[in-house]
């Protein structure tokens, strides 16, 4: 499969799984990729890809690993990172507007959601502006190793998968959600390593109620949003992670908070997306940097 096709399919499938649905497709008409944090960072778009070294975070060490594997006779055609690097990292704030639509769908007025998120977007833009964005990309260029990252399209798959699971199973209590999460291979594996789903606020016997899966949109949103979510009737939030600042803000709101796990959630999203790519054409995946390939049967 050509590198450009992998990129285009990842974007296309990310749009299908996007919480904004048709609204995004209409808004994106004429554009190739609405996800600024998903990019071909280095490499010829026509390069034929058969073997991918895939990881959660790809930096100099992983690129040198790829080069070492190639020198030892193992063919590596592409290095794939989940977390963005290069121009994709510098532009991560641009994908955060998806959170506005998600908040609106859970009962927060759009004007309020925009006001809260726009402030946070500016904070993220300032914070990431000082990073040495192209460090890993330069290494890939010098080693002549094709390099790309797929961030929000993979995260969209996690939200779609878990929100559909919650809607289908209709868990009554928080402990029922925990049970559902721990049955998912990526989370079950993480639990065995001590990094599985954890309830950090609330009690297991609490009603699950209206449940928000908060796992896409680049990075954490506004810490001021939790009071609004509580007023809108949200009783449970399932998140990848939660900063201490966000934790302090949500604690008084009596919302159940389940931290599914950051790296395990990233694993789930990449696996779901890779399943679709591999259903199109057989690709060999070599795992590294916290990623474990778990294949699902078609349609499951």
C-alpha atoms as a PDB file:
ATOM      1  CA  UNK A   1       0.000   0.000   0.000  1.00  0.00           C
ATOM      2  CA  UNK A   2       1.379   3.399  -0.947  1.00  0.00           C
ATOM      3  CA  UNK A   3       2.207   5.823   1.869  1.00  0.00           C
ATOM      4  CA  UNK A   4      -0.227   8.387   0.493  1.00  0.00           C
ATOM      5  CA  UNK A   5      -3.043   5.818   0.492  1.00  0.00           C
ATOM      6  CA  UNK A   6      -2.382   4.915   4.140  1.00  0.00           C
ATOM      7  CA  UNK A   7      -2.568   8.605   5.001  1.00  0.00           C
ATOM      8  CA  UNK A   8      -5.752   9.212   3.011  1.00  0.00           C
ATOM      9  CA  UNK A   9      -7.487   6.128   4.409  1.00  0.00           C
ATOM     10  CA  UNK A  10      -6.567   7.104   7.983  1.00  0.00           C
ATOM     11  CA  UNK A  11      -8.110  10.550   7.443  1.00  0.00           C
ATOM     12  CA  UNK A  12     -11.198   9.113   5.726  1.00  0.00           C
ATOM     13  CA  UNK A  13     -11.830   6.566   8.483  1.00  0.00           C
ATOM     14  CA  UNK A  14     -11.147   9.221  11.112  1.00  0.00           C
ATOM     15  CA  UNK A  15     -13.869  11.371   9.569  1.00  0.00           C
ATOM     16  CA  UNK A  16     -16.311   8.459   9.561  1.00  0.00           C
ATOM     17  CA  UNK A  17     -15.691   7.945  13.283  1.00  0.00           C
ATOM     18  CA  UNK A  18     -15.715  11.677  14.089  1.00  0.00           C
ATOM     19  CA  UNK A  19     -18.343  12.723  16.680  1.00  0.00           C
ATOM     20  CA  UNK A  20     -19.366  15.583  14.356  1.00  0.00           C
ATOM     21  CA  UNK A  21     -20.517  13.141  11.670  1.00  0.00           C
ATOM     22  CA  UNK A  22     -22.044  14.662   8.545  1.00  0.00           C
ATOM     23  CA  UNK A  23     -21.517  18.143   9.932  1.00  0.00           C
ATOM     24  CA  UNK A  24     -17.751  17.627   9.613  1.00  0.00           C
ATOM     25  CA  UNK A  25     -18.016  16.196   6.080  1.00  0.00           C
ATOM     26  CA  UNK A  26     -20.052  19.221   4.967  1.00  0.00           C
ATOM     27  CA  UNK A  27     -17.690  21.680   6.647  1.00  0.00           C
ATOM     28  CA  UNK A  28     -14.639  19.892   5.228  1.00  0.00           C
ATOM     29  CA  UNK A  29     -15.848  19.897   1.623  1.00  0.00           C
ATOM     30  CA  UNK A  30     -12.919  20.715  -0.644  1.00  0.00           C
ATOM     31  CA  UNK A  31     -10.282  20.043   2.027  1.00  0.00           C
ATOM     32  CA  UNK A  32      -8.146  16.911   2.114  1.00  0.00           C
ATOM     33  CA  UNK A  33      -7.523  16.594   5.850  1.00  0.00           C
ATOM     34  CA  UNK A  34      -9.326  18.350   8.719  1.00  0.00           C
ATOM     35  CA  UNK A  35      -6.861  16.911  11.243  1.00  0.00           C
ATOM     36  CA  UNK A  36      -3.806  19.149  11.623  1.00  0.00           C
ATOM     37  CA  UNK A  37      -2.247  16.616  14.031  1.00  0.00           C
ATOM     38  CA  UNK A  38      -2.153  13.856  11.390  1.00  0.00           C
ATOM     39  CA  UNK A  39       0.561  14.206   8.775  1.00  0.00           C
ATOM     40  CA  UNK A  40       3.138  12.516   6.580  1.00  0.00           C
ATOM     41  CA  UNK A  41       6.161  14.009   8.317  1.00  0.00           C
ATOM     42  CA  UNK A  42       8.833  12.676   5.960  1.00  0.00           C
ATOM     43  CA  UNK A  43       8.937  10.369   2.970  1.00  0.00           C
ATOM     44  CA  UNK A  44       7.898   9.913  -0.654  1.00  0.00           C
ATOM     45  CA  UNK A  45       4.108   9.688  -0.872  1.00  0.00           C
ATOM     46  CA  UNK A  46       4.381   7.029  -3.578  1.00  0.00           C
ATOM     47  CA  UNK A  47       6.618   4.753  -1.455  1.00  0.00           C
ATOM     48  CA  UNK A  48       5.269   1.211  -1.187  1.00  0.00           C
ATOM     49  CA  UNK A  49       4.608   0.236   2.432  1.00  0.00           C
ATOM     50  CA  UNK A  50       4.436  -3.359   3.601  1.00  0.00           C
ATOM     51  CA  UNK A  51       5.981  -3.293   7.097  1.00  0.00           C
ATOM     52  CA  UNK A  52       5.271  -0.598   9.683  1.00  0.00           C
ATOM     53  CA  UNK A  53       7.079   0.043  12.958  1.00  0.00           C
ATOM     54  CA  UNK A  54       4.230   1.489  15.059  1.00  0.00           C
ATOM     55  CA  UNK A  55       4.438   3.142  18.473  1.00  0.00           C
ATOM     56  CA  UNK A  56       2.627   5.553  20.749  1.00  0.00           C
ATOM     57  CA  UNK A  57       5.522   8.024  20.918  1.00  0.00           C
ATOM     58  CA  UNK A  58       8.197   8.061  18.235  1.00  0.00           C
ATOM     59  CA  UNK A  59      11.372  10.020  18.870  1.00  0.00           C
ATOM     60  CA  UNK A  60      15.043   9.676  18.092  1.00  0.00           C
ATOM     61  CA  UNK A  61      15.417   6.369  19.951  1.00  0.00           C
ATOM     62  CA  UNK A  62      12.638   4.668  17.988  1.00  0.00           C
ATOM     63  CA  UNK A  63      13.911   6.003  14.660  1.00  0.00           C
ATOM     64  CA  UNK A  64      17.400   4.731  15.462  1.00  0.00           C
ATOM     65  CA  UNK A  65      15.766   1.401  16.375  1.00  0.00           C
ATOM     66  CA  UNK A  66      14.109   1.348  12.950  1.00  0.00           C
ATOM     67  CA  UNK A  67      17.454   2.053  11.288  1.00  0.00           C
ATOM     68  CA  UNK A  68      19.116  -0.693  13.338  1.00  0.00           C
ATOM     69  CA  UNK A  69      16.400  -3.168  12.378  1.00  0.00           C
ATOM     70  CA  UNK A  70      16.851  -2.284   8.732  1.00  0.00           C
ATOM     71  CA  UNK A  71      20.619  -2.725   8.965  1.00  0.00           C
ATOM     72  CA  UNK A  72      20.105  -6.146  10.550  1.00  0.00           C
ATOM     73  CA  UNK A  73      17.972  -7.246   7.605  1.00  0.00           C
ATOM     74  CA  UNK A  74      14.466  -6.558   8.898  1.00  0.00           C
ATOM     75  CA  UNK A  75      12.505  -4.507   6.406  1.00  0.00           C
ATOM     76  CA  UNK A  76      10.881  -1.394   7.901  1.00  0.00           C
ATOM     77  CA  UNK A  77       9.071   0.693   5.289  1.00  0.00           C
ATOM     78  CA  UNK A  78       7.414   3.231   7.585  1.00  0.00           C
ATOM     79  CA  UNK A  79       7.620   4.440  11.170  1.00  0.00           C
ATOM     80  CA  UNK A  80       4.194   5.366  12.522  1.00  0.00           C
ATOM     81  CA  UNK A  81       3.655   7.462  15.628  1.00  0.00           C
ATOM     82  CA  UNK A  82       0.335   8.034  17.347  1.00  0.00           C
ATOM     83  CA  UNK A  83       1.352  11.225  19.137  1.00  0.00           C
ATOM     84  CA  UNK A  84       2.195  14.025  16.720  1.00  0.00           C
ATOM     85  CA  UNK A  85       5.620  15.355  15.862  1.00  0.00           C
ATOM     86  CA  UNK A  86       6.866  18.151  13.633  1.00  0.00           C
ATOM     87  CA  UNK A  87       4.244  20.376  12.024  1.00  0.00           C
ATOM     88  CA  UNK A  88       1.517  18.097  13.397  1.00  0.00           C
ATOM     89  CA  UNK A  89       2.614  18.826  16.967  1.00  0.00           C
ATOM     90  CA  UNK A  90       2.913  22.551  16.310  1.00  0.00           C
ATOM     91  CA  UNK A  91      -0.692  22.559  15.042  1.00  0.00           C
ATOM     92  CA  UNK A  92      -2.334  20.306  17.644  1.00  0.00           C
ATOM     93  CA  UNK A  93      -4.471  23.175  18.963  1.00  0.00           C
ATOM     94  CA  UNK A  94      -6.264  23.362  15.608  1.00  0.00           C
ATOM     95  CA  UNK A  95      -8.095  20.060  16.170  1.00  0.00           C
ATOM     96  CA  UNK A  96      -9.542  21.084  19.528  1.00  0.00           C
ATOM     97  CA  UNK A  97     -12.687  22.590  18.047  1.00  0.00           C
ATOM     98  CA  UNK A  98     -14.160  19.064  17.872  1.00  0.00           C
ATOM     99  CA  UNK A  99     -14.664  19.432  21.620  1.00  0.00           C
ATOM    100  CA  UNK A 100     -17.063  22.314  21.043  1.00  0.00           C
ATOM    101  CA  UNK A 101     -19.398  20.072  19.056  1.00  0.00           C
ATOM    102  CA  UNK A 102     -19.131  17.267  21.605  1.00  0.00           C
ATOM    103  CA  UNK A 103     -20.024  19.629  24.466  1.00  0.00           C
ATOM    104  CA  UNK A 104     -22.946  20.977  22.469  1.00  0.00           C
ATOM    105  CA  UNK A 105     -24.232  17.448  21.840  1.00  0.00           C
ATOM    106  CA  UNK A 106     -24.226  16.889  25.620  1.00  0.00           C
ATOM    107  CA  UNK A 107     -26.387  19.892  26.339  1.00  0.00           C
ATOM    108  CA  UNK A 108     -24.045  22.879  26.625  1.00  0.00           C
ATOM    109  CA  UNK A 109     -24.959  25.943  24.585  1.00  0.00           C
ATOM    110  CA  UNK A 110     -22.623  26.377  21.633  1.00  0.00           C
ATOM    111  CA  UNK A 111     -21.780  29.962  22.556  1.00  0.00           C
ATOM    112  CA  UNK A 112     -20.726  28.839  26.042  1.00  0.00           C
ATOM    113  CA  UNK A 113     -18.724  25.898  24.675  1.00  0.00           C
ATOM    114  CA  UNK A 114     -16.921  28.162  22.199  1.00  0.00           C
ATOM    115  CA  UNK A 115     -16.081  30.705  24.881  1.00  0.00           C
ATOM    116  CA  UNK A 116     -14.632  28.045  27.198  1.00  0.00           C
ATOM    117  CA  UNK A 117     -12.722  26.165  24.497  1.00  0.00           C
ATOM    118  CA  UNK A 118     -11.330  29.165  22.626  1.00  0.00           C
ATOM    119  CA  UNK A 119      -9.541  30.300  25.774  1.00  0.00           C
ATOM    120  CA  UNK A 120      -8.101  26.812  26.274  1.00  0.00           C
ATOM    121  CA  UNK A 121      -7.080  26.552  22.612  1.00  0.00           C
ATOM    122  CA  UNK A 122      -4.993  29.712  22.968  1.00  0.00           C
ATOM    123  CA  UNK A 123      -3.331  28.262  26.089  1.00  0.00           C
ATOM    124  CA  UNK A 124      -2.406  25.068  24.232  1.00  0.00           C
ATOM    125  CA  UNK A 125      -1.100  27.025  21.233  1.00  0.00           C
ATOM    126  CA  UNK A 126       1.188  29.069  23.490  1.00  0.00           C
ATOM    127  CA  UNK A 127       2.382  26.001  25.407  1.00  0.00           C
ATOM    128  CA  UNK A 128       3.303  23.978  22.334  1.00  0.00           C
ATOM    129  CA  UNK A 129       4.881  26.876  20.448  1.00  0.00           C
ATOM    130  CA  UNK A 130       8.133  26.591  22.423  1.00  0.00           C
ATOM    131  CA  UNK A 131       8.730  22.906  21.659  1.00  0.00           C
ATOM    132  CA  UNK A 132      11.499  21.697  19.319  1.00  0.00           C
ATOM    133  CA  UNK A 133       8.904  20.285  16.927  1.00  0.00           C
ATOM    134  CA  UNK A 134      11.143  18.959  14.153  1.00  0.00           C
ATOM    135  CA  UNK A 135      13.741  17.133  16.233  1.00  0.00           C
ATOM    136  CA  UNK A 136      12.458  13.625  15.418  1.00  0.00           C
ATOM    137  CA  UNK A 137      11.512  14.592  11.857  1.00  0.00           C
ATOM    138  CA  UNK A 138      15.101  15.686  11.176  1.00  0.00           C
ATOM    139  CA  UNK A 139      16.358  12.307  12.382  1.00  0.00           C
ATOM    140  CA  UNK A 140      13.940  10.520  10.061  1.00  0.00           C
ATOM    141  CA  UNK A 141      15.143  12.685   7.171  1.00  0.00           C
ATOM    142  CA  UNK A 142      18.821  12.009   7.866  1.00  0.00           C
ATOM    143  CA  UNK A 143      18.165   8.272   8.161  1.00  0.00           C
ATOM    144  CA  UNK A 144      15.850   8.418   5.124  1.00  0.00           C
ATOM    145  CA  UNK A 145      13.011   6.626   6.942  1.00  0.00           C
ATOM    146  CA  UNK A 146       9.401   7.435   5.994  1.00  0.00           C
ATOM    147  CA  UNK A 147       7.662   8.853   9.065  1.00  0.00           C
ATOM    148  CA  UNK A 148       4.050   9.764   9.773  1.00  0.00           C
ATOM    149  CA  UNK A 149       1.693  10.355  12.701  1.00  0.00           C
ATOM    150  CA  UNK A 150      -2.010   9.573  13.136  1.00  0.00           C
ATOM    151  CA  UNK A 151      -3.532  11.255  16.183  1.00  0.00           C
ATOM    152  CA  UNK A 152      -7.142  12.522  16.141  1.00  0.00           C
ATOM    153  CA  UNK A 153      -8.416   9.930  13.603  1.00  0.00           C
ATOM    154  CA  UNK A 154      -7.314   7.183  16.019  1.00  0.00           C
ATOM    155  CA  UNK A 155      -8.754   9.004  19.045  1.00  0.00           C
ATOM    156  CA  UNK A 156     -12.066   9.381  17.188  1.00  0.00           C
ATOM    157  CA  UNK A 157     -12.212   5.597  16.932  1.00  0.00           C
ATOM    158  CA  UNK A 158     -11.895   5.256  20.715  1.00  0.00           C
ATOM    159  CA  UNK A 159     -14.789   7.654  21.293  1.00  0.00           C
ATOM    160  CA  UNK A 160     -16.981   5.965  18.678  1.00  0.00           C
ATOM    161  CA  UNK A 161     -16.204   2.488  20.027  1.00  0.00           C
ATOM    162  CA  UNK A 162     -16.765   3.293  23.715  1.00  0.00           C
ATOM    163  CA  UNK A 163     -19.752   5.603  23.241  1.00  0.00           C
ATOM    164  CA  UNK A 164     -21.435   2.912  21.100  1.00  0.00           C
ATOM    165  CA  UNK A 165     -20.595   0.291  23.706  1.00  0.00           C
ATOM    166  CA  UNK A 166     -22.152   2.386  26.479  1.00  0.00           C
ATOM    167  CA  UNK A 167     -25.242   3.110  24.374  1.00  0.00           C
ATOM    168  CA  UNK A 168     -25.658  -0.561  23.456  1.00  0.00           C
ATOM    169  CA  UNK A 169     -25.093  -2.073  26.896  1.00  0.00           C
ATOM    170  CA  UNK A 170     -26.776   0.754  28.841  1.00  0.00           C
ATOM    171  CA  UNK A 171     -24.845   0.173  32.092  1.00  0.00           C
ATOM    172  CA  UNK A 172     -26.875   1.107  35.165  1.00  0.00           C
ATOM    173  CA  UNK A 173     -24.063   1.660  37.653  1.00  0.00           C
ATOM    174  CA  UNK A 174     -20.465   2.821  37.508  1.00  0.00           C
ATOM    175  CA  UNK A 175     -19.257  -0.697  38.305  1.00  0.00           C
ATOM    176  CA  UNK A 176     -21.021  -1.919  35.158  1.00  0.00           C
ATOM    177  CA  UNK A 177     -18.996   0.550  33.071  1.00  0.00           C
ATOM    178  CA  UNK A 178     -15.811  -0.627  34.781  1.00  0.00           C
ATOM    179  CA  UNK A 179     -16.716  -4.208  33.928  1.00  0.00           C
ATOM    180  CA  UNK A 180     -17.271  -3.313  30.283  1.00  0.00           C
ATOM    181  CA  UNK A 181     -13.941  -1.501  30.042  1.00  0.00           C
ATOM    182  CA  UNK A 182     -11.965  -4.294  31.675  1.00  0.00           C
ATOM    183  CA  UNK A 183     -13.353  -6.781  29.163  1.00  0.00           C
ATOM    184  CA  UNK A 184     -11.710  -4.825  26.308  1.00  0.00           C
ATOM    185  CA  UNK A 185      -8.322  -6.462  25.502  1.00  0.00           C
ATOM    186  CA  UNK A 186      -6.301  -3.223  25.545  1.00  0.00           C
ATOM    187  CA  UNK A 187      -7.660  -2.227  28.960  1.00  0.00           C
ATOM    188  CA  UNK A 188      -7.441  -5.761  30.322  1.00  0.00           C
ATOM    189  CA  UNK A 189      -3.780  -5.862  29.328  1.00  0.00           C
ATOM    190  CA  UNK A 190      -3.145  -2.463  30.919  1.00  0.00           C
ATOM    191  CA  UNK A 191      -4.877  -3.589  34.119  1.00  0.00           C
ATOM    192  CA  UNK A 192      -2.454  -6.518  34.340  1.00  0.00           C
ATOM    193  CA  UNK A 193       0.382  -3.974  34.257  1.00  0.00           C
ATOM    194  CA  UNK A 194      -1.226  -1.784  36.909  1.00  0.00           C
ATOM    195  CA  UNK A 195      -2.300   0.887  34.430  1.00  0.00           C
ATOM    196  CA  UNK A 196      -5.869  -0.186  33.755  1.00  0.00           C
ATOM    197  CA  UNK A 197      -9.183   1.631  34.216  1.00  0.00           C
ATOM    198  CA  UNK A 198      -9.540   3.374  37.574  1.00  0.00           C
ATOM    199  CA  UNK A 199     -12.447   5.160  39.236  1.00  0.00           C
ATOM    200  CA  UNK A 200     -10.937   8.355  40.656  1.00  0.00           C
ATOM    201  CA  UNK A 201     -14.146  10.163  41.630  1.00  0.00           C
ATOM    202  CA  UNK A 202     -17.461   8.694  42.715  1.00  0.00           C
ATOM    203  CA  UNK A 203     -18.457   5.251  43.934  1.00  0.00           C
ATOM    204  CA  UNK A 204     -18.882   2.007  42.034  1.00  0.00           C
ATOM    205  CA  UNK A 205     -22.521   1.743  43.146  1.00  0.00           C
ATOM    206  CA  UNK A 206     -23.379   5.230  41.849  1.00  0.00           C
ATOM    207  CA  UNK A 207     -25.787   5.433  38.904  1.00  0.00           C
ATOM    208  CA  UNK A 208     -23.889   5.664  35.602  1.00  0.00           C
ATOM    209  CA  UNK A 209     -26.471   7.996  34.101  1.00  0.00           C
ATOM    210  CA  UNK A 210     -25.630  10.209  31.162  1.00  0.00           C
ATOM    211  CA  UNK A 211     -22.072   9.211  30.214  1.00  0.00           C
ATOM    212  CA  UNK A 212     -19.560  11.263  28.242  1.00  0.00           C
ATOM    213  CA  UNK A 213     -16.541   9.612  26.620  1.00  0.00           C
ATOM    214  CA  UNK A 214     -13.944  12.393  26.564  1.00  0.00           C
ATOM    215  CA  UNK A 215     -11.035  11.108  24.481  1.00  0.00           C
ATOM    216  CA  UNK A 216     -10.617  13.179  21.345  1.00  0.00           C
ATOM    217  CA  UNK A 217      -9.891  16.744  20.345  1.00  0.00           C
ATOM    218  CA  UNK A 218      -6.097  16.917  20.571  1.00  0.00           C
ATOM    219  CA  UNK A 219      -5.587  17.364  24.314  1.00  0.00           C
ATOM    220  CA  UNK A 220      -7.470  18.181  27.510  1.00  0.00           C
ATOM    221  CA  UNK A 221     -10.156  20.823  27.127  1.00  0.00           C
ATOM    222  CA  UNK A 222     -11.199  23.643  29.433  1.00  0.00           C
ATOM    223  CA  UNK A 223     -11.095  22.953  33.155  1.00  0.00           C
ATOM    224  CA  UNK A 224     -14.043  25.344  33.544  1.00  0.00           C
ATOM    225  CA  UNK A 225     -16.433  23.078  31.645  1.00  0.00           C
ATOM    226  CA  UNK A 226     -17.285  20.579  34.382  1.00  0.00           C
ATOM    227  CA  UNK A 227     -19.868  22.705  36.180  1.00  0.00           C
ATOM    228  CA  UNK A 228     -21.666  23.152  32.861  1.00  0.00           C
ATOM    229  CA  UNK A 229     -21.596  19.417  32.186  1.00  0.00           C
ATOM    230  CA  UNK A 230     -23.015  18.718  35.631  1.00  0.00           C
ATOM    231  CA  UNK A 231     -25.823  21.228  34.997  1.00  0.00           C
ATOM    232  CA  UNK A 232     -26.486  19.506  31.657  1.00  0.00           C
ATOM    233  CA  UNK A 233     -27.064  16.205  33.463  1.00  0.00           C
ATOM    234  CA  UNK A 234     -23.781  14.413  32.765  1.00  0.00           C
ATOM    235  CA  UNK A 235     -23.222  11.952  35.617  1.00  0.00           C
ATOM    236  CA  UNK A 236     -20.173  10.017  34.412  1.00  0.00           C
ATOM    237  CA  UNK A 237     -17.088  10.937  32.386  1.00  0.00           C
ATOM    238  CA  UNK A 238     -14.739   8.351  30.893  1.00  0.00           C
ATOM    239  CA  UNK A 239     -11.422  10.003  30.062  1.00  0.00           C
ATOM    240  CA  UNK A 240      -7.922   8.979  29.008  1.00  0.00           C
ATOM    241  CA  UNK A 241      -6.303  11.103  31.705  1.00  0.00           C
ATOM    242  CA  UNK A 242      -6.966  14.108  33.925  1.00  0.00           C
ATOM    243  CA  UNK A 243      -4.514  16.771  35.080  1.00  0.00           C
ATOM    244  CA  UNK A 244      -4.436  17.839  38.726  1.00  0.00           C
ATOM    245  CA  UNK A 245      -5.908  21.220  37.773  1.00  0.00           C
ATOM    246  CA  UNK A 246      -8.818  19.532  35.997  1.00  0.00           C
ATOM    247  CA  UNK A 247      -9.222  17.091  38.894  1.00  0.00           C
ATOM    248  CA  UNK A 248      -9.585  19.924  41.397  1.00  0.00           C
ATOM    249  CA  UNK A 249     -12.193  21.617  39.215  1.00  0.00           C
ATOM    250  CA  UNK A 250     -14.335  18.527  38.653  1.00  0.00           C
ATOM    251  CA  UNK A 251     -14.194  17.187  42.221  1.00  0.00           C
ATOM    252  CA  UNK A 252     -16.951  19.477  43.624  1.00  0.00           C
ATOM    253  CA  UNK A 253     -19.326  18.672  40.749  1.00  0.00           C
ATOM    254  CA  UNK A 254     -20.288  15.157  41.927  1.00  0.00           C
ATOM    255  CA  UNK A 255     -19.526  13.608  38.550  1.00  0.00           C
ATOM    256  CA  UNK A 256     -18.210  10.035  38.446  1.00  0.00           C
ATOM    257  CA  UNK A 257     -14.815  10.066  36.720  1.00  0.00           C
ATOM    258  CA  UNK A 258     -13.286   6.921  35.242  1.00  0.00           C
ATOM    259  CA  UNK A 259      -9.740   7.159  33.908  1.00  0.00           C
ATOM    260  CA  UNK A 260      -9.638   4.432  31.289  1.00  0.00           C
ATOM    261  CA  UNK A 261      -5.909   4.910  30.762  1.00  0.00           C
ATOM    262  CA  UNK A 262      -3.947   7.068  28.362  1.00  0.00           C
ATOM    263  CA  UNK A 263      -1.658   4.625  26.594  1.00  0.00           C
ATOM    264  CA  UNK A 264      -4.225   1.806  26.677  1.00  0.00           C
ATOM    265  CA  UNK A 265      -6.828   4.089  25.067  1.00  0.00           C
ATOM    266  CA  UNK A 266      -4.279   5.115  22.431  1.00  0.00           C
ATOM    267  CA  UNK A 267      -3.652   1.412  21.794  1.00  0.00           C
ATOM    268  CA  UNK A 268      -7.363   0.817  21.293  1.00  0.00           C
ATOM    269  CA  UNK A 269      -7.691   3.657  18.788  1.00  0.00           C
ATOM    270  CA  UNK A 270      -4.655   2.658  16.736  1.00  0.00           C
ATOM    271  CA  UNK A 271      -5.700  -1.000  16.705  1.00  0.00           C
ATOM    272  CA  UNK A 272      -9.218  -0.165  15.511  1.00  0.00           C
ATOM    273  CA  UNK A 273      -7.800   2.019  12.741  1.00  0.00           C
ATOM    274  CA  UNK A 274      -5.110  -0.482  11.736  1.00  0.00           C
ATOM    275  CA  UNK A 275      -7.771  -3.190  11.496  1.00  0.00           C
ATOM    276  CA  UNK A 276      -9.482  -1.127   8.794  1.00  0.00           C
ATOM    277  CA  UNK A 277      -6.226  -0.467   6.944  1.00  0.00           C
ATOM    278  CA  UNK A 278      -5.202  -4.140   7.116  1.00  0.00           C
ATOM    279  CA  UNK A 279      -8.640  -5.219   5.888  1.00  0.00           C
ATOM    280  CA  UNK A 280      -7.923  -3.136   2.787  1.00  0.00           C
ATOM    281  CA  UNK A 281      -4.453  -4.577   2.234  1.00  0.00           C
ATOM    282  CA  UNK A 282      -2.217  -6.839   4.312  1.00  0.00           C
ATOM    283  CA  UNK A 283       0.333  -4.886   6.331  1.00  0.00           C
ATOM    284  CA  UNK A 284       2.901  -6.264   8.746  1.00  0.00           C
ATOM    285  CA  UNK A 285       2.933  -4.346  12.023  1.00  0.00           C
ATOM    286  CA  UNK A 286       5.986  -4.311  14.308  1.00  0.00           C
ATOM    287  CA  UNK A 287       5.082  -2.916  17.744  1.00  0.00           C
ATOM    288  CA  UNK A 288       7.201  -0.584  19.870  1.00  0.00           C
ATOM    289  CA  UNK A 289       6.989   2.357  22.282  1.00  0.00           C
ATOM    290  CA  UNK A 290       4.050   1.155  24.376  1.00  0.00           C
ATOM    291  CA  UNK A 291       1.974  -0.147  21.482  1.00  0.00           C
ATOM    292  CA  UNK A 292       0.720  -3.724  21.300  1.00  0.00           C
ATOM    293  CA  UNK A 293      -1.038  -4.910  18.153  1.00  0.00           C
ATOM    294  CA  UNK A 294      -4.364  -6.584  18.928  1.00  0.00           C
ATOM    295  CA  UNK A 295      -6.345  -7.603  15.869  1.00  0.00           C
ATOM    296  CA  UNK A 296     -10.121  -7.805  15.806  1.00  0.00           C
ATOM    297  CA  UNK A 297     -12.225  -9.807  13.393  1.00  0.00           C
ATOM    298  CA  UNK A 298     -13.938  -7.812  10.697  1.00  0.00           C
ATOM    299  CA  UNK A 299     -17.069  -6.131  12.036  1.00  0.00           C
ATOM    300  CA  UNK A 300     -16.299  -6.787  15.723  1.00  0.00           C
END
